[in-house]
Amino acid sequence: MAGLTETASRNLKAELARRDKTRADLANAWGCTLKTVDQRLNGSISMTIKEIEEAAPVFDMDSMQLLMLLRESIMRRPPSS
C-alpha cells in the first residue's frame, strides 16, 4: 500500500493531466521553481496544507476538495465525467 505522500503526489500528477494543467501552473501557485514542483510530484518533498490551499484554485477547487482528492486511493476513485 502506498504512503500518503506517494498517493498525494500520484493523484496530483493525475489531476494535472485530467485538467490539462502544467507544472508551471503549480510553480506559479506555490511561488517556487519547476524543480521544487517536480520534487513534490515525485514524492521526495511532502506537500503542506498551505501548499494544497495554494494549489486548489489551479484545479478550480477549494482546499478541502483537493485535499480529499489527494488522499484517495487511485484504484477506488470512480471515473470522472
Protein backbone atom coordinates (compact mmCIF):
# COMPACT_ATOMS: atom_id res chain seq x y z
CA MET A 1 0.00 0.00 0.00
CA ALA A 2 1.28 3.44 -0.92
CA GLY A 3 2.03 6.01 1.76
CA LEU A 4 0.14 9.29 1.96
CA THR A 5 2.90 11.34 0.29
CA GLU A 6 3.18 8.89 -2.59
CA THR A 7 -0.59 8.72 -3.04
CA ALA A 8 -0.99 12.50 -2.91
CA SER A 9 1.84 13.02 -5.40
CA ARG A 10 0.43 10.43 -7.79
CA ASN A 11 -3.07 11.89 -7.54
CA LEU A 12 -1.79 15.43 -8.09
CA LYS A 13 0.04 14.34 -11.26
CA ALA A 14 -3.12 12.61 -12.48
CA GLU A 15 -5.23 15.70 -11.79
CA LEU A 16 -2.77 17.88 -13.71
CA ALA A 17 -3.25 15.62 -16.73
CA ARG A 18 -7.03 15.37 -16.35
CA ARG A 19 -7.44 19.13 -16.23
CA ASP A 20 -4.76 19.95 -18.80
CA LYS A 21 -2.71 21.92 -16.26
CA THR A 22 1.07 22.20 -16.18
CA ARG A 23 3.87 22.01 -13.67
CA ALA A 24 4.32 25.73 -14.34
CA ASP A 25 0.75 26.35 -13.12
CA LEU A 26 1.70 24.76 -9.80
CA ALA A 27 5.03 26.61 -9.67
CA ASN A 28 3.13 29.90 -10.08
CA ALA A 29 0.63 28.96 -7.37
CA TRP A 30 3.37 27.90 -4.97
CA GLY A 31 5.85 30.62 -5.89
CA CYS A 32 8.59 28.05 -6.44
CA THR A 33 10.75 26.57 -9.17
CA LEU A 34 9.82 23.72 -11.50
CA LYS A 35 12.48 21.65 -9.72
CA THR A 36 10.59 22.03 -6.44
CA VAL A 37 7.31 21.13 -8.16
CA ASP A 38 8.98 18.02 -9.60
CA GLN A 39 10.22 17.04 -6.13
CA ARG A 40 6.67 17.32 -4.79
CA LEU A 41 5.25 15.40 -7.74
CA ASN A 42 7.72 12.54 -7.32
CA GLY A 43 7.10 12.41 -3.56
CA SER A 44 10.57 13.39 -2.42
CA ILE A 45 9.10 16.51 -0.76
CA SER A 46 5.78 16.28 1.07
CA MET A 47 3.08 18.85 0.41
CA THR A 48 1.91 21.05 3.24
CA ILE A 49 -1.67 22.05 3.92
CA LYS A 50 -0.72 25.59 2.86
CA GLU A 51 0.52 24.28 -0.50
CA ILE A 52 -2.69 22.33 -1.01
CA GLU A 53 -4.64 25.53 -0.26
CA GLU A 54 -2.50 27.42 -2.78
CA ALA A 55 -2.85 24.71 -5.45
CA ALA A 56 -6.64 24.28 -5.15
CA PRO A 57 -7.54 27.27 -7.39
CA VAL A 58 -5.36 25.82 -10.16
CA PHE A 59 -7.89 22.97 -10.30
CA ASP A 60 -10.97 25.16 -9.70
CA MET A 61 -11.47 23.51 -6.32
CA ASP A 62 -11.49 24.63 -2.73
CA SER A 63 -8.75 23.30 -0.49
CA MET A 64 -10.95 20.64 1.13
CA GLN A 65 -11.96 19.20 -2.25
CA LEU A 66 -8.32 18.98 -3.34
CA LEU A 67 -7.23 17.51 -0.01
CA MET A 68 -9.86 14.77 -0.27
CA LEU A 69 -8.88 14.02 -3.87
CA LEU A 70 -5.18 13.83 -2.99
CA ARG A 71 -5.69 11.29 -0.22
CA GLU A 72 -7.95 8.96 -2.19
CA SER A 73 -6.60 5.72 -3.47
CA ILE A 74 -6.48 5.92 -7.26
CA MET A 75 -7.91 2.43 -7.51
CA ARG A 76 -11.04 3.42 -5.58
CA ARG A 77 -11.82 6.65 -7.44
CA PRO A 78 -14.77 6.40 -9.85
CA PRO A 79 -14.15 7.62 -13.39
CA SER A 80 -14.64 11.36 -13.79
CA SER A 81 -17.42 12.57 -16.04
